[in-house]
């Protein structure tokens, strides 16, 4: 999978029932984040944190979906542990990928992967640690891949979504460590002549190719 590819559609059983992925996304943005196995320590903290900050995704019109290489029955037991240890139970669907279908479809496991998911150890599925941000056009906008021993930074995912949504609406780019409300860069595809129409108040040109303006509203 590459940025710009159409996110593969799939049907799957989740902790909230059967879904078809593209229909589930609808006109929203989506985050699909994957896990190598249920009852793993780092993933437990991640799923709890995503439940805690789900309202922030809701405000951005972003749906959340987890995935783990186990059955939805296992997900139910895991959800109790997550709530007990993290204070928040998953409040979003989690795909049961015990047949490896979605993990293989998204290139996270080799196509030849087969067998009993329960017989596999987390290390066997170590590559199932991706975050995909998908736009309403069903195109992949961001891919993050983490090792099993490093918890993911979902505040960073929110920051990137703010940038993606802003730059999809306006012909701008966001600089290093940008946060909501800070100055942005006029996109290189915008000529000075066009920029004068868009930004009659002018801009700060650090270089001809580096033109800084306040964030468009």
N, C-alpha and C. Protein backbone atom coordinates (compact mmCIF):
# COMPACT_ATOMS: atom_id res chain seq x y z
N UNK A 1 0.83 -1.19 0.00
CA UNK A 1 0.00 0.00 0.00
C UNK A 1 0.87 1.25 0.00
N UNK A 2 0.46 2.24 -0.79
CA UNK A 2 1.17 3.51 -0.85
C UNK A 2 0.17 4.64 -0.64
N UNK A 3 0.69 5.78 -0.20
CA UNK A 3 -0.15 6.97 -0.11
C UNK A 3 -0.68 7.28 -1.51
N UNK A 4 -1.97 7.54 -1.59
CA UNK A 4 -2.61 7.81 -2.87
C UNK A 4 -3.33 6.62 -3.46
N UNK A 5 -3.01 5.41 -2.98
CA UNK A 5 -3.73 4.22 -3.43
C UNK A 5 -5.15 4.22 -2.87
N UNK A 6 -6.06 3.58 -3.59
CA UNK A 6 -7.39 3.35 -3.04
C UNK A 6 -7.29 2.30 -1.94
N UNK A 7 -7.83 2.60 -0.77
CA UNK A 7 -7.82 1.63 0.32
C UNK A 7 -8.66 0.43 -0.08
N UNK A 8 -8.12 -0.78 -0.03
CA UNK A 8 -8.89 -1.95 -0.44
C UNK A 8 -10.18 -2.09 0.36
N UNK A 9 -11.25 -2.37 -0.35
CA UNK A 9 -12.53 -2.60 0.31
C UNK A 9 -12.57 -4.05 0.82
N UNK A 10 -13.34 -4.29 1.84
CA UNK A 10 -13.47 -5.65 2.35
C UNK A 10 -14.75 -5.77 3.17
N UNK A 11 -15.22 -6.99 3.31
CA UNK A 11 -16.29 -7.31 4.24
C UNK A 11 -15.68 -8.08 5.40
N UNK A 12 -16.11 -7.79 6.60
CA UNK A 12 -15.53 -8.47 7.76
C UNK A 12 -16.49 -8.42 8.94
N UNK A 13 -16.32 -9.39 9.82
CA UNK A 13 -17.04 -9.38 11.09
C UNK A 13 -16.24 -8.54 12.08
N UNK A 14 -16.93 -7.65 12.77
CA UNK A 14 -16.28 -6.80 13.76
C UNK A 14 -16.97 -6.97 15.11
N UNK A 15 -16.42 -6.35 16.11
CA UNK A 15 -17.03 -6.39 17.44
C UNK A 15 -18.39 -5.71 17.47
N UNK A 16 -18.73 -4.97 16.39
CA UNK A 16 -20.03 -4.31 16.29
C UNK A 16 -20.85 -4.85 15.12
N UNK A 17 -20.51 -6.06 14.66
CA UNK A 17 -21.28 -6.69 13.59
C UNK A 17 -20.55 -6.66 12.25
N UNK A 18 -21.22 -7.19 11.24
CA UNK A 18 -20.65 -7.28 9.90
C UNK A 18 -20.60 -5.90 9.25
N UNK A 19 -19.49 -5.61 8.57
CA UNK A 19 -19.37 -4.32 7.87
C UNK A 19 -18.78 -4.55 6.48
N UNK A 20 -19.09 -3.63 5.57
CA UNK A 20 -18.34 -3.47 4.33
C UNK A 20 -17.59 -2.15 4.48
N UNK A 21 -16.28 -2.21 4.37
CA UNK A 21 -15.43 -1.10 4.80
C UNK A 21 -15.78 0.22 4.11
N UNK A 22 -15.86 0.24 2.79
CA UNK A 22 -16.12 1.50 2.09
C UNK A 22 -17.50 2.06 2.45
N UNK A 23 -18.49 1.18 2.59
CA UNK A 23 -19.82 1.65 2.99
C UNK A 23 -19.78 2.22 4.41
N UNK A 24 -19.00 1.59 5.27
CA UNK A 24 -18.87 2.05 6.65
C UNK A 24 -18.23 3.44 6.70
N UNK A 25 -17.22 3.68 5.86
CA UNK A 25 -16.59 5.00 5.82
C UNK A 25 -17.58 6.05 5.36
N UNK A 26 -18.34 5.74 4.29
CA UNK A 26 -19.30 6.71 3.76
C UNK A 26 -18.62 7.98 3.31
N UNK A 27 -19.12 9.13 3.78
CA UNK A 27 -18.55 10.43 3.42
C UNK A 27 -17.58 10.95 4.47
N UNK A 28 -17.19 10.09 5.38
CA UNK A 28 -16.30 10.50 6.47
C UNK A 28 -14.84 10.22 6.12
N UNK A 29 -13.95 10.67 6.99
CA UNK A 29 -12.57 10.21 7.01
C UNK A 29 -12.54 8.96 7.89
N UNK A 30 -11.45 8.21 7.83
CA UNK A 30 -11.37 7.00 8.65
C UNK A 30 -9.93 6.73 9.07
N UNK A 31 -9.81 6.12 10.25
CA UNK A 31 -8.53 5.60 10.74
C UNK A 31 -8.71 4.10 10.95
N UNK A 32 -7.86 3.31 10.30
CA UNK A 32 -7.80 1.87 10.53
C UNK A 32 -6.46 1.58 11.18
N UNK A 33 -6.48 1.06 12.42
CA UNK A 33 -5.22 0.78 13.09
C UNK A 33 -5.21 -0.67 13.55
N UNK A 34 -4.08 -1.34 13.31
CA UNK A 34 -4.04 -2.80 13.41
C UNK A 34 -3.13 -3.28 14.54
N UNK A 35 -3.39 -4.52 14.96
CA UNK A 35 -2.72 -5.11 16.12
C UNK A 35 -2.37 -6.57 15.81
N UNK A 36 -1.22 -7.04 16.28
CA UNK A 36 -0.79 -8.40 15.96
C UNK A 36 -1.55 -9.50 16.67
N UNK A 37 -2.16 -9.17 17.83
CA UNK A 37 -2.87 -10.20 18.59
C UNK A 37 -3.60 -9.55 19.76
N UNK A 38 -4.69 -10.18 20.19
CA UNK A 38 -5.39 -9.71 21.38
C UNK A 38 -4.56 -9.99 22.63
N UNK A 39 -4.89 -9.27 23.69
CA UNK A 39 -4.25 -9.45 25.00
C UNK A 39 -2.74 -9.22 24.94
N UNK A 40 -2.33 -8.23 24.14
CA UNK A 40 -0.92 -7.81 24.12
C UNK A 40 -0.82 -6.48 24.86
N UNK A 41 0.26 -6.25 25.59
CA UNK A 41 0.29 -5.13 26.53
C UNK A 41 0.26 -3.74 25.90
N UNK A 42 1.11 -3.51 24.91
CA UNK A 42 1.16 -2.18 24.30
C UNK A 42 -0.16 -1.86 23.60
N UNK A 43 -0.69 -2.84 22.88
CA UNK A 43 -1.95 -2.63 22.17
C UNK A 43 -3.09 -2.35 23.13
N UNK A 44 -3.06 -2.95 24.30
CA UNK A 44 -4.08 -2.70 25.31
C UNK A 44 -4.14 -1.22 25.66
N UNK A 45 -2.98 -0.61 25.85
CA UNK A 45 -2.95 0.82 26.18
C UNK A 45 -3.42 1.66 25.00
N UNK A 46 -3.11 1.24 23.79
CA UNK A 46 -3.48 2.02 22.60
C UNK A 46 -5.00 2.01 22.39
N UNK A 47 -5.60 0.84 22.49
CA UNK A 47 -7.05 0.74 22.28
C UNK A 47 -7.81 1.54 23.34
N UNK A 48 -7.31 1.53 24.58
CA UNK A 48 -7.95 2.32 25.62
C UNK A 48 -7.83 3.81 25.36
N UNK A 49 -6.66 4.25 24.91
CA UNK A 49 -6.46 5.67 24.66
C UNK A 49 -7.33 6.14 23.49
N UNK A 50 -7.43 5.32 22.45
CA UNK A 50 -8.28 5.70 21.31
C UNK A 50 -9.73 5.83 21.74
N UNK A 51 -10.19 4.97 22.65
CA UNK A 51 -11.55 5.12 23.16
C UNK A 51 -11.70 6.44 23.92
N UNK A 52 -10.70 6.79 24.67
CA UNK A 52 -10.74 8.03 25.47
C UNK A 52 -10.84 9.26 24.57
N UNK A 53 -10.08 9.29 23.47
CA UNK A 53 -10.03 10.50 22.63
C UNK A 53 -10.95 10.41 21.41
N UNK A 54 -11.80 9.39 21.36
CA UNK A 54 -12.70 9.25 20.21
C UNK A 54 -13.50 10.52 19.93
N UNK A 55 -14.00 11.26 20.96
CA UNK A 55 -14.73 12.49 20.66
C UNK A 55 -13.93 13.49 19.81
N UNK A 56 -12.60 13.49 19.94
CA UNK A 56 -11.80 14.39 19.12
C UNK A 56 -11.81 13.96 17.65
N UNK A 57 -11.86 12.65 17.40
CA UNK A 57 -12.00 12.17 16.03
C UNK A 57 -13.40 12.48 15.51
N UNK A 58 -14.40 12.30 16.36
CA UNK A 58 -15.78 12.58 15.96
C UNK A 58 -15.92 14.02 15.49
N UNK A 59 -15.31 14.96 16.22
CA UNK A 59 -15.42 16.37 15.85
C UNK A 59 -14.80 16.66 14.49
N UNK A 60 -13.88 15.82 14.07
CA UNK A 60 -13.22 16.00 12.78
C UNK A 60 -13.87 15.15 11.68
N UNK A 61 -15.00 14.55 11.98
CA UNK A 61 -15.70 13.68 11.02
C UNK A 61 -14.81 12.50 10.62
N UNK A 62 -14.15 11.91 11.62
CA UNK A 62 -13.26 10.76 11.40
C UNK A 62 -13.80 9.56 12.16
N UNK A 63 -14.01 8.45 11.46
CA UNK A 63 -14.41 7.20 12.09
C UNK A 63 -13.17 6.38 12.42
N UNK A 64 -13.26 5.61 13.51
CA UNK A 64 -12.15 4.79 13.98
C UNK A 64 -12.52 3.31 13.84
N UNK A 65 -11.57 2.53 13.35
CA UNK A 65 -11.75 1.08 13.32
C UNK A 65 -10.45 0.40 13.69
N UNK A 66 -10.50 -0.50 14.67
CA UNK A 66 -9.34 -1.30 15.01
C UNK A 66 -9.36 -2.62 14.25
N UNK A 67 -8.27 -3.33 14.32
CA UNK A 67 -8.15 -4.66 13.72
C UNK A 67 -7.16 -5.45 14.56
N UNK A 68 -7.47 -6.72 14.81
CA UNK A 68 -6.52 -7.59 15.49
C UNK A 68 -6.62 -8.99 14.90
N UNK A 69 -5.48 -9.66 14.85
CA UNK A 69 -5.43 -11.00 14.25
C UNK A 69 -5.91 -12.03 15.27
N UNK A 70 -7.20 -11.92 15.58
CA UNK A 70 -7.89 -12.85 16.45
C UNK A 70 -9.37 -12.74 16.14
N UNK A 71 -10.20 -13.54 16.78
CA UNK A 71 -11.64 -13.54 16.52
C UNK A 71 -12.33 -12.42 17.30
N UNK A 72 -13.54 -12.09 16.85
CA UNK A 72 -14.30 -11.07 17.58
C UNK A 72 -14.69 -11.57 18.97
N UNK A 73 -14.80 -12.89 19.16
CA UNK A 73 -15.06 -13.43 20.49
C UNK A 73 -13.93 -13.09 21.45
N UNK A 74 -12.70 -13.19 20.97
CA UNK A 74 -11.55 -12.80 21.79
C UNK A 74 -11.58 -11.30 22.07
N UNK A 75 -12.02 -10.52 21.07
CA UNK A 75 -12.09 -9.07 21.25
C UNK A 75 -12.97 -8.70 22.44
N UNK A 76 -14.06 -9.42 22.62
CA UNK A 76 -14.99 -9.12 23.71
C UNK A 76 -14.32 -9.28 25.07
N UNK A 77 -13.56 -10.38 25.22
CA UNK A 77 -12.84 -10.58 26.47
C UNK A 77 -11.76 -9.55 26.68
N UNK A 78 -11.07 -9.19 25.61
CA UNK A 78 -10.01 -8.19 25.67
C UNK A 78 -10.57 -6.82 26.07
N UNK A 79 -11.76 -6.50 25.53
CA UNK A 79 -12.38 -5.20 25.83
C UNK A 79 -12.57 -5.02 27.33
N UNK A 80 -12.89 -6.10 28.04
CA UNK A 80 -13.05 -6.01 29.49
C UNK A 80 -11.73 -5.67 30.17
N UNK A 81 -10.65 -6.30 29.69
CA UNK A 81 -9.33 -5.99 30.24
C UNK A 81 -8.94 -4.54 29.95
N UNK A 82 -9.25 -4.09 28.75
CA UNK A 82 -8.91 -2.71 28.35
C UNK A 82 -9.63 -1.71 29.26
N UNK A 83 -10.91 -1.95 29.49
CA UNK A 83 -11.67 -1.04 30.35
C UNK A 83 -11.13 -1.08 31.78
N UNK A 84 -10.82 -2.27 32.27
CA UNK A 84 -10.33 -2.41 33.64
C UNK A 84 -9.00 -1.70 33.85
N UNK A 85 -8.09 -1.83 32.88
CA UNK A 85 -6.73 -1.29 33.06
C UNK A 85 -6.57 0.14 32.55
N UNK A 86 -7.37 0.54 31.56
CA UNK A 86 -7.18 1.85 30.93
C UNK A 86 -8.30 2.83 31.25
N UNK A 87 -9.39 2.32 31.83
CA UNK A 87 -10.50 3.21 32.18
C UNK A 87 -11.48 3.46 31.07
N UNK A 88 -11.23 2.92 29.88
CA UNK A 88 -12.12 3.13 28.74
C UNK A 88 -12.16 1.86 27.91
N UNK A 89 -13.37 1.37 27.65
CA UNK A 89 -13.53 0.22 26.76
C UNK A 89 -13.63 0.71 25.33
N UNK A 90 -13.21 -0.09 24.36
CA UNK A 90 -13.34 0.31 22.95
C UNK A 90 -14.78 0.69 22.62
N UNK A 91 -14.95 1.86 22.01
CA UNK A 91 -16.26 2.37 21.63
C UNK A 91 -16.32 2.56 20.11
N UNK A 92 -15.67 1.66 19.42
CA UNK A 92 -15.56 1.66 17.96
C UNK A 92 -15.39 0.20 17.54
N UNK A 93 -15.68 -0.14 16.30
CA UNK A 93 -15.57 -1.54 15.88
C UNK A 93 -14.13 -2.01 15.77
N UNK A 94 -13.92 -3.29 16.10
CA UNK A 94 -12.61 -3.93 15.94
C UNK A 94 -12.80 -5.15 15.04
N UNK A 95 -12.09 -5.17 13.93
CA UNK A 95 -12.21 -6.27 12.98
C UNK A 95 -11.61 -7.54 13.58
N UNK A 96 -12.31 -8.65 13.45
CA UNK A 96 -11.75 -9.95 13.77
C UNK A 96 -11.08 -10.52 12.52
N UNK A 97 -9.77 -10.58 12.53
CA UNK A 97 -9.03 -10.98 11.32
C UNK A 97 -8.33 -12.31 11.52
N UNK A 98 -9.05 -13.27 12.10
CA UNK A 98 -8.46 -14.58 12.40
C UNK A 98 -8.10 -15.36 11.13
N UNK A 99 -8.69 -14.97 9.98
CA UNK A 99 -8.33 -15.63 8.72
C UNK A 99 -7.27 -14.85 7.94
N UNK A 100 -6.76 -13.78 8.54
CA UNK A 100 -5.66 -12.96 7.98
C UNK A 100 -6.07 -12.21 6.70
N UNK A 101 -7.34 -12.23 6.37
CA UNK A 101 -7.80 -11.67 5.10
C UNK A 101 -7.43 -10.20 4.93
N UNK A 102 -7.79 -9.40 5.93
CA UNK A 102 -7.56 -7.96 5.82
C UNK A 102 -6.07 -7.64 5.96
N UNK A 103 -5.39 -8.32 6.86
CA UNK A 103 -3.95 -8.08 7.03
C UNK A 103 -3.19 -8.36 5.74
N UNK A 104 -3.58 -9.39 5.03
CA UNK A 104 -2.93 -9.72 3.76
C UNK A 104 -3.35 -8.73 2.67
N UNK A 105 -4.61 -8.34 2.67
CA UNK A 105 -5.12 -7.40 1.68
C UNK A 105 -4.38 -6.06 1.77
N UNK A 106 -4.02 -5.67 2.99
CA UNK A 106 -3.32 -4.39 3.20
C UNK A 106 -1.80 -4.55 3.25
N UNK A 107 -1.30 -5.73 2.87
CA UNK A 107 0.14 -5.93 2.77
C UNK A 107 0.85 -6.01 4.09
N UNK A 108 0.12 -6.29 5.17
CA UNK A 108 0.76 -6.35 6.48
C UNK A 108 1.26 -7.76 6.82
N UNK A 109 0.72 -8.76 6.15
CA UNK A 109 1.20 -10.14 6.26
C UNK A 109 1.39 -10.71 4.87
N UNK A 110 2.34 -11.63 4.70
CA UNK A 110 2.57 -12.23 3.38
C UNK A 110 1.32 -12.94 2.87
N UNK A 111 1.16 -12.95 1.55
CA UNK A 111 -0.03 -13.55 0.94
C UNK A 111 -0.16 -15.03 1.29
N UNK A 112 0.96 -15.70 1.55
CA UNK A 112 0.91 -17.14 1.82
C UNK A 112 0.58 -17.46 3.27
N UNK A 113 0.39 -16.46 4.12
CA UNK A 113 0.07 -16.71 5.54
C UNK A 113 -1.22 -17.52 5.65
N UNK A 114 -1.19 -18.57 6.45
CA UNK A 114 -2.36 -19.43 6.62
C UNK A 114 -2.25 -20.14 7.97
N UNK A 115 -3.28 -20.90 8.31
CA UNK A 115 -3.25 -21.68 9.54
C UNK A 115 -4.17 -21.12 10.60
N UNK A 116 -3.96 -21.56 11.81
CA UNK A 116 -4.78 -21.19 12.96
C UNK A 116 -4.20 -19.95 13.63
N UNK A 117 -4.98 -18.87 13.65
CA UNK A 117 -4.48 -17.63 14.26
C UNK A 117 -4.09 -17.82 15.71
N UNK A 118 -4.80 -18.70 16.42
CA UNK A 118 -4.50 -18.90 17.84
C UNK A 118 -3.14 -19.58 18.04
N UNK A 119 -2.66 -20.28 17.00
CA UNK A 119 -1.37 -20.96 17.12
C UNK A 119 -0.20 -20.01 16.86
N UNK A 120 -0.51 -18.82 16.42
CA UNK A 120 0.53 -17.84 16.11
C UNK A 120 0.81 -16.96 17.32
N UNK A 121 2.07 -16.62 17.51
CA UNK A 121 2.47 -15.71 18.58
C UNK A 121 2.42 -14.28 18.07
N UNK A 122 2.37 -13.29 18.97
CA UNK A 122 2.37 -11.91 18.51
C UNK A 122 3.54 -11.59 17.58
N UNK A 123 4.72 -12.16 17.87
CA UNK A 123 5.89 -11.89 17.03
C UNK A 123 5.69 -12.39 15.60
N UNK A 124 4.85 -13.42 15.42
CA UNK A 124 4.56 -13.91 14.08
C UNK A 124 3.79 -12.89 13.26
N UNK A 125 3.09 -12.01 13.97
CA UNK A 125 2.28 -10.99 13.31
C UNK A 125 2.82 -9.59 13.58
N UNK A 126 4.11 -9.49 13.84
CA UNK A 126 4.70 -8.21 14.27
C UNK A 126 4.50 -7.09 13.26
N UNK A 127 4.30 -7.43 11.99
CA UNK A 127 4.13 -6.41 10.95
C UNK A 127 2.71 -5.85 10.91
N UNK A 128 1.82 -6.41 11.72
CA UNK A 128 0.44 -5.90 11.75
C UNK A 128 0.37 -4.80 12.82
N UNK A 129 1.06 -3.70 12.53
CA UNK A 129 1.17 -2.57 13.46
C UNK A 129 1.06 -1.27 12.68
N UNK A 130 0.14 -1.23 11.72
CA UNK A 130 0.01 -0.06 10.85
C UNK A 130 -1.15 0.83 11.27
N UNK A 131 -1.01 2.11 10.96
CA UNK A 131 -2.10 3.06 11.03
C UNK A 131 -2.34 3.58 9.62
N UNK A 132 -3.56 3.46 9.14
CA UNK A 132 -3.94 4.02 7.84
C UNK A 132 -4.97 5.12 8.07
N UNK A 133 -4.71 6.30 7.52
CA UNK A 133 -5.72 7.36 7.47
C UNK A 133 -6.26 7.40 6.05
N UNK A 134 -7.57 7.34 5.93
CA UNK A 134 -8.23 7.21 4.64
C UNK A 134 -9.23 8.35 4.49
N UNK A 135 -9.23 8.99 3.34
CA UNK A 135 -10.13 10.11 3.09
C UNK A 135 -11.50 9.68 2.61
N UNK A 136 -12.42 10.63 2.51
CA UNK A 136 -13.76 10.31 2.01
C UNK A 136 -13.75 9.77 0.58
N UNK A 137 -12.68 10.08 -0.15
CA UNK A 137 -12.52 9.54 -1.51
C UNK A 137 -11.99 8.12 -1.51
N UNK A 138 -11.81 7.55 -0.31
CA UNK A 138 -11.33 6.17 -0.11
C UNK A 138 -9.85 6.01 -0.48
N UNK A 139 -9.13 7.12 -0.61
CA UNK A 139 -7.70 7.08 -0.89
C UNK A 139 -6.92 7.09 0.43
N UNK A 140 -5.80 6.39 0.45
CA UNK A 140 -4.94 6.38 1.63
C UNK A 140 -4.16 7.69 1.70
N UNK A 141 -4.27 8.38 2.80
CA UNK A 141 -3.63 9.69 2.99
C UNK A 141 -2.39 9.60 3.87
N UNK A 142 -2.31 8.59 4.72
CA UNK A 142 -1.19 8.46 5.66
C UNK A 142 -1.01 6.99 6.01
N UNK A 143 0.24 6.56 6.11
CA UNK A 143 0.56 5.23 6.62
C UNK A 143 1.65 5.39 7.67
N UNK A 144 1.40 4.87 8.86
CA UNK A 144 2.41 4.84 9.93
C UNK A 144 2.62 3.38 10.31
N UNK A 145 3.86 2.99 10.52
CA UNK A 145 4.18 1.62 10.91
C UNK A 145 5.05 1.67 12.17
N UNK A 146 4.60 0.99 13.21
CA UNK A 146 5.29 1.00 14.49
C UNK A 146 5.76 -0.40 14.87
N UNK A 147 6.86 -0.51 15.61
CA UNK A 147 7.24 -1.81 16.18
C UNK A 147 6.32 -2.17 17.34
N UNK A 148 6.31 -3.43 17.71
CA UNK A 148 5.42 -3.91 18.77
C UNK A 148 5.75 -3.30 20.13
N UNK A 149 7.00 -2.91 20.34
CA UNK A 149 7.42 -2.44 21.66
C UNK A 149 7.22 -0.95 21.87
N UNK A 150 6.76 -0.24 20.83
CA UNK A 150 6.59 1.22 20.93
C UNK A 150 5.13 1.59 20.74
N UNK A 151 4.54 2.17 21.78
CA UNK A 151 3.15 2.61 21.68
C UNK A 151 3.00 3.75 20.69
N UNK A 152 1.92 3.72 19.97
CA UNK A 152 1.69 4.73 18.94
C UNK A 152 1.25 6.06 19.54
N UNK A 153 1.56 7.14 18.84
CA UNK A 153 1.21 8.49 19.28
C UNK A 153 -0.04 8.93 18.52
N UNK A 154 -1.20 8.73 19.10
CA UNK A 154 -2.43 9.06 18.40
C UNK A 154 -2.74 10.55 18.44
N UNK A 155 -2.09 11.30 19.32
CA UNK A 155 -2.18 12.76 19.24
C UNK A 155 -1.54 13.24 17.94
N UNK A 156 -0.48 12.57 17.52
CA UNK A 156 0.15 12.91 16.25
C UNK A 156 -0.77 12.58 15.08
N UNK A 157 -1.52 11.49 15.19
CA UNK A 157 -2.48 11.16 14.13
C UNK A 157 -3.52 12.27 14.01
N UNK A 158 -4.00 12.78 15.14
CA UNK A 158 -4.94 13.90 15.10
C UNK A 158 -4.32 15.13 14.45
N UNK A 159 -3.07 15.40 14.79
CA UNK A 159 -2.38 16.56 14.20
C UNK A 159 -2.29 16.43 12.69
N UNK A 160 -1.94 15.23 12.22
CA UNK A 160 -1.82 15.00 10.79
C UNK A 160 -3.18 15.13 10.10
N UNK A 161 -4.22 14.63 10.75
CA UNK A 161 -5.55 14.76 10.17
C UNK A 161 -5.94 16.22 10.03
N UNK A 162 -5.61 17.04 11.03
CA UNK A 162 -5.87 18.48 10.92
C UNK A 162 -5.17 19.04 9.69
N UNK A 163 -3.93 18.64 9.47
CA UNK A 163 -3.18 19.10 8.31
C UNK A 163 -3.81 18.59 7.01
N UNK A 164 -4.14 17.30 6.98
CA UNK A 164 -4.73 16.71 5.77
C UNK A 164 -6.04 17.39 5.40
N UNK A 165 -6.88 17.64 6.39
CA UNK A 165 -8.17 18.25 6.10
C UNK A 165 -8.01 19.71 5.67
N UNK A 166 -7.07 20.41 6.28
CA UNK A 166 -6.81 21.80 5.89
C UNK A 166 -6.26 21.88 4.47
N UNK A 167 -5.26 21.06 4.18
CA UNK A 167 -4.61 21.15 2.87
C UNK A 167 -5.48 20.58 1.75
N UNK A 168 -6.46 19.73 2.11
CA UNK A 168 -7.41 19.26 1.10
C UNK A 168 -8.37 20.36 0.68
N UNK A 169 -8.60 21.31 1.58
CA UNK A 169 -9.56 22.39 1.33
C UNK A 169 -8.89 23.62 0.74
N UNK A 170 -7.66 23.88 1.15
CA UNK A 170 -6.93 25.07 0.70
C UNK A 170 -5.61 24.64 0.06
N UNK A 171 -5.12 25.43 -0.87
CA UNK A 171 -3.86 25.10 -1.54
C UNK A 171 -2.68 25.58 -0.70
N UNK A 172 -2.51 24.90 0.44
CA UNK A 172 -1.42 25.22 1.36
C UNK A 172 -0.77 23.92 1.80
N UNK A 173 0.39 24.06 2.44
CA UNK A 173 1.08 22.95 3.08
C UNK A 173 1.39 23.39 4.51
N UNK A 174 1.65 22.43 5.39
CA UNK A 174 1.94 22.77 6.78
C UNK A 174 3.41 22.48 7.09
N UNK A 175 4.08 23.39 7.78
CA UNK A 175 5.51 23.22 8.06
C UNK A 175 5.77 22.25 9.20
N UNK A 176 7.04 22.05 9.50
CA UNK A 176 7.45 21.13 10.55
C UNK A 176 6.75 21.46 11.87
N UNK A 177 6.27 20.42 12.55
CA UNK A 177 5.65 20.53 13.87
C UNK A 177 4.43 21.44 13.91
N UNK A 178 3.83 21.69 12.74
CA UNK A 178 2.67 22.56 12.68
C UNK A 178 1.54 22.06 13.57
N UNK A 179 0.83 23.02 14.18
CA UNK A 179 -0.36 22.72 14.95
C UNK A 179 -1.49 23.65 14.51
N UNK A 180 -2.71 23.20 14.79
CA UNK A 180 -3.90 23.96 14.41
C UNK A 180 -3.80 25.41 14.85
N UNK A 181 -4.02 26.33 13.89
CA UNK A 181 -3.98 27.76 14.17
C UNK A 181 -2.67 28.44 13.84
N UNK A 182 -1.62 27.67 13.55
CA UNK A 182 -0.32 28.26 13.24
C UNK A 182 -0.21 28.58 11.75
N UNK A 183 0.81 29.37 11.41
CA UNK A 183 1.03 29.77 10.02
C UNK A 183 1.27 28.56 9.13
N UNK A 184 0.95 28.74 7.85
CA UNK A 184 1.11 27.67 6.86
C UNK A 184 1.93 28.19 5.68
N UNK A 185 2.19 27.29 4.73
CA UNK A 185 2.99 27.61 3.55
C UNK A 185 2.08 27.59 2.33
N UNK A 186 2.19 28.60 1.50
CA UNK A 186 1.46 28.58 0.22
C UNK A 186 2.04 27.48 -0.64
N UNK A 187 1.17 26.65 -1.19
CA UNK A 187 1.63 25.51 -1.99
C UNK A 187 2.43 25.97 -3.20
N UNK A 188 3.44 25.16 -3.56
CA UNK A 188 4.28 25.50 -4.70
C UNK A 188 3.52 25.55 -6.01
N UNK A 189 2.37 24.89 -6.07
CA UNK A 189 1.56 24.89 -7.29
C UNK A 189 0.82 26.20 -7.50
N UNK A 190 0.84 27.08 -6.50
CA UNK A 190 0.15 28.37 -6.58
C UNK A 190 1.15 29.45 -7.00
N UNK A 191 0.91 30.08 -8.13
CA UNK A 191 1.81 31.14 -8.61
C UNK A 191 1.67 32.38 -7.74
N UNK A 192 2.65 33.29 -7.83
CA UNK A 192 2.55 34.54 -7.08
C UNK A 192 1.31 35.32 -7.50
N UNK A 193 0.98 35.28 -8.79
CA UNK A 193 -0.18 36.01 -9.29
C UNK A 193 -1.48 35.48 -8.65
N UNK A 194 -1.59 34.16 -8.61
CA UNK A 194 -2.77 33.56 -7.99
C UNK A 194 -2.76 33.79 -6.48
N UNK A 195 -1.58 33.74 -5.88
CA UNK A 195 -1.48 33.95 -4.43
C UNK A 195 -1.94 35.36 -4.05
N UNK A 196 -1.68 36.34 -4.91
CA UNK A 196 -2.12 37.71 -4.63
C UNK A 196 -3.63 37.80 -4.56
N UNK A 197 -4.32 36.99 -5.37
CA UNK A 197 -5.78 36.98 -5.33
C UNK A 197 -6.28 36.28 -4.08
N UNK A 198 -5.59 35.20 -3.71
CA UNK A 198 -6.01 34.43 -2.53
C UNK A 198 -5.65 35.15 -1.24
N UNK A 199 -4.51 35.83 -1.24
CA UNK A 199 -3.99 36.46 -0.03
C UNK A 199 -3.66 37.93 -0.32
N UNK A 200 -4.70 38.76 -0.50
CA UNK A 200 -4.46 40.17 -0.84
C UNK A 200 -3.66 40.91 0.23
N UNK A 201 -3.66 40.37 1.44
CA UNK A 201 -2.90 41.00 2.52
C UNK A 201 -1.40 40.72 2.38
N UNK A 202 -1.04 39.85 1.43
CA UNK A 202 0.36 39.52 1.20
C UNK A 202 0.82 38.34 2.02
N UNK A 203 2.11 38.05 1.93
CA UNK A 203 2.70 36.92 2.64
C UNK A 203 4.15 37.24 2.99
N UNK A 204 4.73 36.43 3.83
CA UNK A 204 6.13 36.58 4.20
C UNK A 204 6.95 35.59 3.39
N UNK A 205 7.80 36.08 2.50
CA UNK A 205 8.60 35.21 1.64
C UNK A 205 10.00 35.04 2.23
N UNK A 206 10.25 33.91 2.86
CA UNK A 206 11.59 33.62 3.36
C UNK A 206 12.53 33.28 2.21
N UNK A 207 11.96 32.64 1.20
CA UNK A 207 12.59 32.38 -0.09
C UNK A 207 11.46 32.42 -1.12
N UNK A 208 11.77 32.55 -2.40
CA UNK A 208 10.68 32.58 -3.39
C UNK A 208 9.77 31.36 -3.30
N UNK A 209 10.33 30.23 -2.86
CA UNK A 209 9.54 29.00 -2.77
C UNK A 209 8.99 28.75 -1.37
N UNK A 210 9.27 29.65 -0.44
CA UNK A 210 8.84 29.47 0.95
C UNK A 210 8.05 30.70 1.38
N UNK A 211 6.75 30.66 1.11
CA UNK A 211 5.86 31.81 1.33
C UNK A 211 4.90 31.49 2.49
N UNK A 212 5.00 32.27 3.53
CA UNK A 212 4.28 32.01 4.79
C UNK A 212 3.07 32.91 4.91
N UNK A 213 1.92 32.30 5.26
CA UNK A 213 0.69 33.06 5.49
C UNK A 213 -0.02 32.50 6.72
N UNK A 214 -0.92 33.29 7.33
CA UNK A 214 -1.73 32.75 8.42
C UNK A 214 -2.60 31.59 7.91
N UNK A 215 -2.95 30.70 8.78
CA UNK A 215 -3.79 29.58 8.42
C UNK A 215 -5.14 30.07 7.90
N UNK A 216 -5.56 29.63 6.72
CA UNK A 216 -6.90 30.01 6.23
C UNK A 216 -7.98 29.47 7.15
N UNK A 217 -9.05 30.21 7.26
CA UNK A 217 -10.17 29.80 8.11
C UNK A 217 -11.20 29.03 7.29
